[in-house]
Amino acid sequence: MQRAVSRSLKIIGEASKSISIEFKNANPQIEWKKAAGLRDKLIHHYFGVEWNIIWNVIYNELPQMEKKIEAILNQKK
């Protein structure tokens, strides 16, 4: 389970790095650097992985991020 969660967060972080700077600047409500930074920590295991932080991201931060992304997508329709 931890591997699957870790992999998913790595993918989110990697994807956030490939989004254009123009789009990021137009949508500062998303914490792009934070997503990329978490990915880097997971990939490189800086100081080990703190699973309590990962679970906080999953249960608190990802749902908020999802709502913000949905709002952006709805504006683009």
PDB file of N, CA and C in Angstrom:
ATOM      1  N   MET A   1       0.831  -1.187   0.000  1.00  0.00           N
ATOM      2  CA  MET A   1       0.000   0.000   0.000  1.00  0.00           C
ATOM      3  C   MET A   1       0.877   1.254   0.000  1.00  0.00           C
ATOM      4  N   GLN A   2       1.922   1.260   0.828  1.00  0.00           N
ATOM      5  CA  GLN A   2       2.785   2.435   0.895  1.00  0.00           C
ATOM      6  C   GLN A   2       3.473   2.685  -0.437  1.00  0.00           C
ATOM      7  N   ARG A   3       3.882   1.618  -1.107  1.00  0.00           N
ATOM      8  CA  ARG A   3       4.528   1.789  -2.418  1.00  0.00           C
ATOM      9  C   ARG A   3       3.577   2.417  -3.428  1.00  0.00           C
ATOM     10  N   ALA A   4       2.336   1.964  -3.420  1.00  0.00           N
ATOM     11  CA  ALA A   4       1.354   2.506  -4.361  1.00  0.00           C
ATOM     12  C   ALA A   4       1.104   3.986  -4.092  1.00  0.00           C
ATOM     13  N   VAL A   5       0.970   4.327  -2.837  1.00  0.00           N
ATOM     14  CA  VAL A   5       0.750   5.725  -2.458  1.00  0.00           C
ATOM     15  C   VAL A   5       1.959   6.565  -2.836  1.00  0.00           C
ATOM     16  N   SER A   6       3.132   6.065  -2.495  1.00  0.00           N
ATOM     17  CA  SER A   6       4.367   6.779  -2.812  1.00  0.00           C
ATOM     18  C   SER A   6       4.492   6.995  -4.315  1.00  0.00           C
ATOM     19  N   ARG A   7       4.216   5.965  -5.093  1.00  0.00           N
ATOM     20  CA  ARG A   7       4.309   6.061  -6.557  1.00  0.00           C
ATOM     21  C   ARG A   7       3.326   7.092  -7.091  1.00  0.00           C
ATOM     22  N   SER A   8       2.125   7.091  -6.593  1.00  0.00           N
ATOM     23  CA  SER A   8       1.119   8.054  -7.053  1.00  0.00           C
ATOM     24  C   SER A   8       1.541   9.485  -6.749  1.00  0.00           C
ATOM     25  N   LEU A   9       2.093   9.707  -5.563  1.00  0.00           N
ATOM     26  CA  LEU A   9       2.553  11.052  -5.209  1.00  0.00           C
ATOM     27  C   LEU A   9       3.751  11.470  -6.059  1.00  0.00           C
ATOM     28  N   LYS A  10       4.606  10.524  -6.395  1.00  0.00           N
ATOM     29  CA  LYS A  10       5.736  10.822  -7.284  1.00  0.00           C
ATOM     30  C   LYS A  10       5.229  11.257  -8.655  1.00  0.00           C
ATOM     31  N   ILE A  11       4.212  10.568  -9.155  1.00  0.00           N
ATOM     32  CA  ILE A  11       3.639  10.906 -10.466  1.00  0.00           C
ATOM     33  C   ILE A  11       3.014  12.296 -10.436  1.00  0.00           C
ATOM     34  N   ILE A  12       2.286  12.616  -9.385  1.00  0.00           N
ATOM     35  CA  ILE A  12       1.695  13.955  -9.253  1.00  0.00           C
ATOM     36  C   ILE A  12       2.787  15.012  -9.243  1.00  0.00           C
ATOM     37  N   GLY A  13       3.834  14.772  -8.475  1.00  0.00           N
ATOM     38  CA  GLY A  13       4.946  15.722  -8.408  1.00  0.00           C
ATOM     39  C   GLY A  13       5.654  15.885  -9.729  1.00  0.00           C
ATOM     40  N   GLU A  14       5.880  14.775 -10.423  1.00  0.00           N
ATOM     41  CA  GLU A  14       6.545  14.831 -11.722  1.00  0.00           C
ATOM     42  C   GLU A  14       5.672  15.572 -12.728  1.00  0.00           C
ATOM     43  N   ALA A  15       4.379  15.298 -12.709  1.00  0.00           N
ATOM     44  CA  ALA A  15       3.461  15.984 -13.620  1.00  0.00           C
ATOM     45  C   ALA A  15       3.445  17.483 -13.350  1.00  0.00           C
ATOM     46  N   SER A  16       3.519  17.868 -12.089  1.00  0.00           N
ATOM     47  CA  SER A  16       3.501  19.297 -11.758  1.00  0.00           C
ATOM     48  C   SER A  16       4.729  20.014 -12.303  1.00  0.00           C
ATOM     49  N   LYS A  17       5.815  19.278 -12.455  1.00  0.00           N
ATOM     50  CA  LYS A  17       7.031  19.881 -13.014  1.00  0.00           C
ATOM     51  C   LYS A  17       6.911  20.138 -14.513  1.00  0.00           C
ATOM     52  N   SER A  18       6.046  19.390 -15.186  1.00  0.00           N
ATOM     53  CA  SER A  18       5.940  19.524 -16.638  1.00  0.00           C
ATOM     54  C   SER A  18       4.886  20.546 -17.075  1.00  0.00           C
ATOM     55  N   ILE A  19       4.179  21.126 -16.132  1.00  0.00           N
ATOM     56  CA  ILE A  19       3.170  22.137 -16.457  1.00  0.00           C
ATOM     57  C   ILE A  19       3.874  23.456 -16.759  1.00  0.00           C
ATOM     58  N   SER A  20       3.401  24.142 -17.766  1.00  0.00           N
ATOM     59  CA  SER A  20       4.062  25.379 -18.198  1.00  0.00           C
ATOM     60  C   SER A  20       4.062  26.434 -17.097  1.00  0.00           C
ATOM     61  N   ILE A  21       5.093  27.240 -17.103  1.00  0.00           N
ATOM     62  CA  ILE A  21       5.220  28.320 -16.118  1.00  0.00           C
ATOM     63  C   ILE A  21       4.072  29.319 -16.270  1.00  0.00           C
ATOM     64  N   GLU A  22       3.602  29.513 -17.490  1.00  0.00           N
ATOM     65  CA  GLU A  22       2.479  30.426 -17.732  1.00  0.00           C
ATOM     66  C   GLU A  22       1.219  29.922 -17.019  1.00  0.00           C
ATOM     67  N   PHE A  23       0.968  28.620 -17.149  1.00  0.00           N
ATOM     68  CA  PHE A  23      -0.207  28.040 -16.497  1.00  0.00           C
ATOM     69  C   PHE A  23      -0.070  28.118 -14.980  1.00  0.00           C
ATOM     70  N   LYS A  24       1.124  27.823 -14.482  1.00  0.00           N
ATOM     71  CA  LYS A  24       1.359  27.902 -13.034  1.00  0.00           C
ATOM     72  C   LYS A  24       1.166  29.325 -12.523  1.00  0.00           C
ATOM     73  N   ASN A  25       1.685  30.285 -13.260  1.00  0.00           N
ATOM     74  CA  ASN A  25       1.535  31.687 -12.852  1.00  0.00           C
ATOM     75  C   ASN A  25       0.078  32.132 -12.891  1.00  0.00           C
ATOM     76  N   ALA A  26      -0.677  31.596 -13.841  1.00  0.00           N
ATOM     77  CA  ALA A  26      -2.093  31.945 -13.955  1.00  0.00           C
ATOM     78  C   ALA A  26      -2.943  31.247 -12.887  1.00  0.00           C
ATOM     79  N   ASN A  27      -2.375  30.233 -12.248  1.00  0.00           N
ATOM     80  CA  ASN A  27      -3.110  29.449 -11.248  1.00  0.00           C
ATOM     81  C   ASN A  27      -2.275  29.248  -9.984  1.00  0.00           C
ATOM     82  N   PRO A  28      -1.978  30.331  -9.296  1.00  0.00           N
ATOM     83  CA  PRO A  28      -1.114  30.240  -8.112  1.00  0.00           C
ATOM     84  C   PRO A  28      -1.784  29.586  -6.899  1.00  0.00           C
ATOM     85  N   GLN A  29      -3.081  29.334  -6.984  1.00  0.00           N
ATOM     86  CA  GLN A  29      -3.771  28.698  -5.865  1.00  0.00           C
ATOM     87  C   GLN A  29      -3.322  27.246  -5.656  1.00  0.00           C
ATOM     88  N   ILE A  30      -2.689  26.676  -6.659  1.00  0.00           N
ATOM     89  CA  ILE A  30      -2.119  25.332  -6.534  1.00  0.00           C
ATOM     90  C   ILE A  30      -0.671  25.474  -6.081  1.00  0.00           C
ATOM     91  N   GLU A  31      -0.290  24.699  -5.097  1.00  0.00           N
ATOM     92  CA  GLU A  31       1.079  24.761  -4.585  1.00  0.00           C
ATOM     93  C   GLU A  31       1.981  23.846  -5.424  1.00  0.00           C
ATOM     94  N   TRP A  32       2.337  24.340  -6.609  1.00  0.00           N
ATOM     95  CA  TRP A  32       3.108  23.556  -7.575  1.00  0.00           C
ATOM     96  C   TRP A  32       4.463  23.131  -7.019  1.00  0.00           C
ATOM     97  N   LYS A  33       5.163  24.049  -6.400  1.00  0.00           N
ATOM     98  CA  LYS A  33       6.499  23.738  -5.870  1.00  0.00           C
ATOM     99  C   LYS A  33       6.427  22.719  -4.738  1.00  0.00           C
ATOM    100  N   LYS A  34       5.382  22.794  -3.966  1.00  0.00           N
ATOM    101  CA  LYS A  34       5.222  21.854  -2.860  1.00  0.00           C
ATOM    102  C   LYS A  34       5.027  20.433  -3.394  1.00  0.00           C
ATOM    103  N   ALA A  35       4.233  20.295  -4.448  1.00  0.00           N
ATOM    104  CA  ALA A  35       4.014  18.978  -5.057  1.00  0.00           C
ATOM    105  C   ALA A  35       5.314  18.427  -5.627  1.00  0.00           C
ATOM    106  N   ALA A  36       6.057  19.280  -6.319  1.00  0.00           N
ATOM    107  CA  ALA A  36       7.336  18.852  -6.890  1.00  0.00           C
ATOM    108  C   ALA A  36       8.341  18.531  -5.787  1.00  0.00           C
ATOM    109  N   GLY A  37       8.329  19.305  -4.731  1.00  0.00           N
ATOM    110  CA  GLY A  37       9.250  19.076  -3.620  1.00  0.00           C
ATOM    111  C   GLY A  37       8.986  17.756  -2.913  1.00  0.00           C
ATOM    112  N   LEU A  38       7.720  17.414  -2.752  1.00  0.00           N
ATOM    113  CA  LEU A  38       7.383  16.131  -2.141  1.00  0.00           C
ATOM    114  C   LEU A  38       7.874  14.996  -3.024  1.00  0.00           C
ATOM    115  N   ARG A  39       7.704  15.142  -4.309  1.00  0.00           N
ATOM    116  CA  ARG A  39       8.197  14.136  -5.257  1.00  0.00           C
ATOM    117  C   ARG A  39       9.694  13.950  -5.089  1.00  0.00           C
ATOM    118  N   ASP A  40      10.426  15.056  -5.009  1.00  0.00           N
ATOM    119  CA  ASP A  40      11.879  14.970  -4.861  1.00  0.00           C
ATOM    120  C   ASP A  40      12.263  14.248  -3.571  1.00  0.00           C
ATOM    121  N   LYS A  41      11.558  14.549  -2.503  1.00  0.00           N
ATOM    122  CA  LYS A  41      11.854  13.883  -1.230  1.00  0.00           C
ATOM    123  C   LYS A  41      11.593  12.384  -1.318  1.00  0.00           C
ATOM    124  N   LEU A  42      10.506  12.005  -1.996  1.00  0.00           N
ATOM    125  CA  LEU A  42      10.189  10.586  -2.132  1.00  0.00           C
ATOM    126  C   LEU A  42      11.191   9.867  -3.030  1.00  0.00           C
ATOM    127  N   ILE A  43      11.575  10.510  -4.117  1.00  0.00           N
ATOM    128  CA  ILE A  43      12.517   9.893  -5.058  1.00  0.00           C
ATOM    129  C   ILE A  43      13.886   9.731  -4.418  1.00  0.00           C
ATOM    130  N   HIS A  44      14.353  10.767  -3.767  1.00  0.00           N
ATOM    131  CA  HIS A  44      15.718  10.777  -3.250  1.00  0.00           C
ATOM    132  C   HIS A  44      15.807  10.378  -1.780  1.00  0.00           C
ATOM    133  N   HIS A  45      14.663  10.137  -1.160  1.00  0.00           N
ATOM    134  CA  HIS A  45      14.604   9.711   0.239  1.00  0.00           C
ATOM    135  C   HIS A  45      15.395  10.631   1.162  1.00  0.00           C
ATOM    136  N   TYR A  46      15.234  11.943   0.945  1.00  0.00           N
ATOM    137  CA  TYR A  46      15.912  12.888   1.826  1.00  0.00           C
ATOM    138  C   TYR A  46      15.496  12.618   3.266  1.00  0.00           C
ATOM    139  N   PHE A  47      16.422  12.252   4.086  1.00  0.00           N
ATOM    140  CA  PHE A  47      16.197  12.017   5.515  1.00  0.00           C
ATOM    141  C   PHE A  47      15.134  10.951   5.775  1.00  0.00           C
ATOM    142  N   GLY A  48      14.920  10.054   4.840  1.00  0.00           N
ATOM    143  CA  GLY A  48      13.919   9.005   5.004  1.00  0.00           C
ATOM    144  C   GLY A  48      12.522   9.529   4.715  1.00  0.00           C
ATOM    145  N   VAL A  49      11.601   8.616   4.556  1.00  0.00           N
ATOM    146  CA  VAL A  49      10.216   8.990   4.271  1.00  0.00           C
ATOM    147  C   VAL A  49       9.446   8.995   5.585  1.00  0.00           C
ATOM    148  N   GLU A  50       8.818  10.100   5.878  1.00  0.00           N
ATOM    149  CA  GLU A  50       7.998  10.212   7.088  1.00  0.00           C
ATOM    150  C   GLU A  50       6.544   9.966   6.694  1.00  0.00           C
ATOM    151  N   TRP A  51       6.075   8.763   6.999  1.00  0.00           N
ATOM    152  CA  TRP A  51       4.754   8.358   6.537  1.00  0.00           C
ATOM    153  C   TRP A  51       3.631   9.155   7.179  1.00  0.00           C
ATOM    154  N   ASN A  52       3.850   9.691   8.363  1.00  0.00           N
ATOM    155  CA  ASN A  52       2.798  10.528   8.957  1.00  0.00           C
ATOM    156  C   ASN A  52       2.579  11.784   8.119  1.00  0.00           C
ATOM    157  N   ILE A  53       3.635  12.302   7.517  1.00  0.00           N
ATOM    158  CA  ILE A  53       3.504  13.465   6.628  1.00  0.00           C
ATOM    159  C   ILE A  53       2.789  13.052   5.345  1.00  0.00           C
ATOM    160  N   ILE A  54       3.151  11.893   4.815  1.00  0.00           N
ATOM    161  CA  ILE A  54       2.517  11.395   3.588  1.00  0.00           C
ATOM    162  C   ILE A  54       1.019  11.214   3.809  1.00  0.00           C
ATOM    163  N   TRP A  55       0.637  10.617   4.923  1.00  0.00           N
ATOM    164  CA  TRP A  55      -0.786  10.413   5.186  1.00  0.00           C
ATOM    165  C   TRP A  55      -1.516  11.739   5.364  1.00  0.00           C
ATOM    166  N   ASN A  56      -0.863  12.729   5.938  1.00  0.00           N
ATOM    167  CA  ASN A  56      -1.458  14.062   6.041  1.00  0.00           C
ATOM    168  C   ASN A  56      -1.704  14.638   4.649  1.00  0.00           C
ATOM    169  N   VAL A  57      -0.744  14.460   3.772  1.00  0.00           N
ATOM    170  CA  VAL A  57      -0.900  14.934   2.391  1.00  0.00           C
ATOM    171  C   VAL A  57      -2.100  14.254   1.749  1.00  0.00           C
ATOM    172  N   ILE A  58      -2.195  12.955   1.909  1.00  0.00           N
ATOM    173  CA  ILE A  58      -3.277  12.194   1.277  1.00  0.00           C
ATOM    174  C   ILE A  58      -4.646  12.621   1.800  1.00  0.00           C
ATOM    175  N   TYR A  59      -4.776  12.735   3.095  1.00  0.00           N
ATOM    176  CA  TYR A  59      -6.092  12.986   3.681  1.00  0.00           C
ATOM    177  C   TYR A  59      -6.480  14.453   3.764  1.00  0.00           C
ATOM    178  N   ASN A  60      -5.507  15.344   3.756  1.00  0.00           N
ATOM    179  CA  ASN A  60      -5.823  16.763   3.912  1.00  0.00           C
ATOM    180  C   ASN A  60      -5.490  17.597   2.681  1.00  0.00           C
ATOM    181  N   GLU A  61      -4.299  17.434   2.162  1.00  0.00           N
ATOM    182  CA  GLU A  61      -3.860  18.318   1.087  1.00  0.00           C
ATOM    183  C   GLU A  61      -4.357  17.894  -0.295  1.00  0.00           C
ATOM    184  N   LEU A  62      -4.336  16.597  -0.590  1.00  0.00           N
ATOM    185  CA  LEU A  62      -4.795  16.162  -1.910  1.00  0.00           C
ATOM    186  C   LEU A  62      -6.260  16.480  -2.176  1.00  0.00           C
ATOM    187  N   PRO A  63      -7.166  16.277  -1.222  1.00  0.00           N
ATOM    188  CA  PRO A  63      -8.558  16.651  -1.488  1.00  0.00           C
ATOM    189  C   PRO A  63      -8.723  18.146  -1.789  1.00  0.00           C
ATOM    190  N   GLN A  64      -7.962  18.983  -1.096  1.00  0.00           N
ATOM    191  CA  GLN A  64      -8.019  20.424  -1.365  1.00  0.00           C
ATOM    192  C   GLN A  64      -7.464  20.731  -2.753  1.00  0.00           C
ATOM    193  N   MET A  65      -6.361  20.078  -3.088  1.00  0.00           N
ATOM    194  CA  MET A  65      -5.755  20.285  -4.401  1.00  0.00           C
ATOM    195  C   MET A  65      -6.715  19.840  -5.504  1.00  0.00           C
ATOM    196  N   GLU A  66      -7.378  18.715  -5.287  1.00  0.00           N
ATOM    197  CA  GLU A  66      -8.337  18.208  -6.263  1.00  0.00           C
ATOM    198  C   GLU A  66      -9.457  19.223  -6.503  1.00  0.00           C
ATOM    199  N   LYS A  67      -9.984  19.803  -5.449  1.00  0.00           N
ATOM    200  CA  LYS A  67     -11.047  20.802  -5.587  1.00  0.00           C
ATOM    201  C   LYS A  67     -10.563  22.021  -6.369  1.00  0.00           C
ATOM    202  N   LYS A  68      -9.347  22.455  -6.091  1.00  0.00           N
ATOM    203  CA  LYS A  68      -8.788  23.612  -6.799  1.00  0.00           C
ATOM    204  C   LYS A  68      -8.595  23.305  -8.278  1.00  0.00           C
ATOM    205  N   ILE A  69      -8.127  22.106  -8.581  1.00  0.00           N
ATOM    206  CA  ILE A  69      -7.925  21.722  -9.980  1.00  0.00           C
ATOM    207  C   ILE A  69      -9.267  21.603 -10.691  1.00  0.00           C
ATOM    208  N   GLU A  70     -10.259  21.029 -10.029  1.00  0.00           N
ATOM    209  CA  GLU A  70     -11.597  20.944 -10.621  1.00  0.00           C
ATOM    210  C   GLU A  70     -12.150  22.336 -10.920  1.00  0.00           C
ATOM    211  N   ALA A  71     -11.929  23.288 -10.024  1.00  0.00           N
ATOM    212  CA  ALA A  71     -12.395  24.660 -10.247  1.00  0.00           C
ATOM    213  C   ALA A  71     -11.704  25.271 -11.460  1.00  0.00           C
ATOM    214  N   ILE A  72     -10.412  25.024 -11.601  1.00  0.00           N
ATOM    215  CA  ILE A  72      -9.673  25.531 -12.767  1.00  0.00           C
ATOM    216  C   ILE A  72     -10.243  24.927 -14.039  1.00  0.00           C
ATOM    217  N   LEU A  73     -10.460  23.620 -14.039  1.00  0.00           N
ATOM    218  CA  LEU A  73     -10.991  22.943 -15.225  1.00  0.00           C
ATOM    219  C   LEU A  73     -12.392  23.430 -15.566  1.00  0.00           C
ATOM    220  N   ASN A  74     -13.219  23.674 -14.559  1.00  0.00           N
ATOM    221  CA  ASN A  74     -14.572  24.175 -14.804  1.00  0.00           C
ATOM    222  C   ASN A  74     -14.558  25.577 -15.394  1.00  0.00           C
ATOM    223  N   GLN A  75     -13.573  26.393 -15.018  1.00  0.00           N
ATOM    224  CA  GLN A  75     -13.447  27.738 -15.589  1.00  0.00           C
ATOM    225  C   GLN A  75     -13.060  27.675 -17.061  1.00  0.00           C
ATOM    226  N   LYS A  76     -12.330  26.645 -17.435  1.00  0.00           N
ATOM    227  CA  LYS A  76     -11.829  26.513 -18.806  1.00  0.00           C
ATOM    228  C   LYS A  76     -12.895  26.007 -19.762  1.00  0.00           C
ATOM    229  N   LYS A  77     -14.014  25.481 -19.223  1.00  0.00           N
ATOM    230  CA  LYS A  77     -15.083  24.937 -20.085  1.00  0.00           C
ATOM    231  C   LYS A  77     -15.842  26.032 -20.776  1.00  0.00           C
TER     232      LYS A  77
END
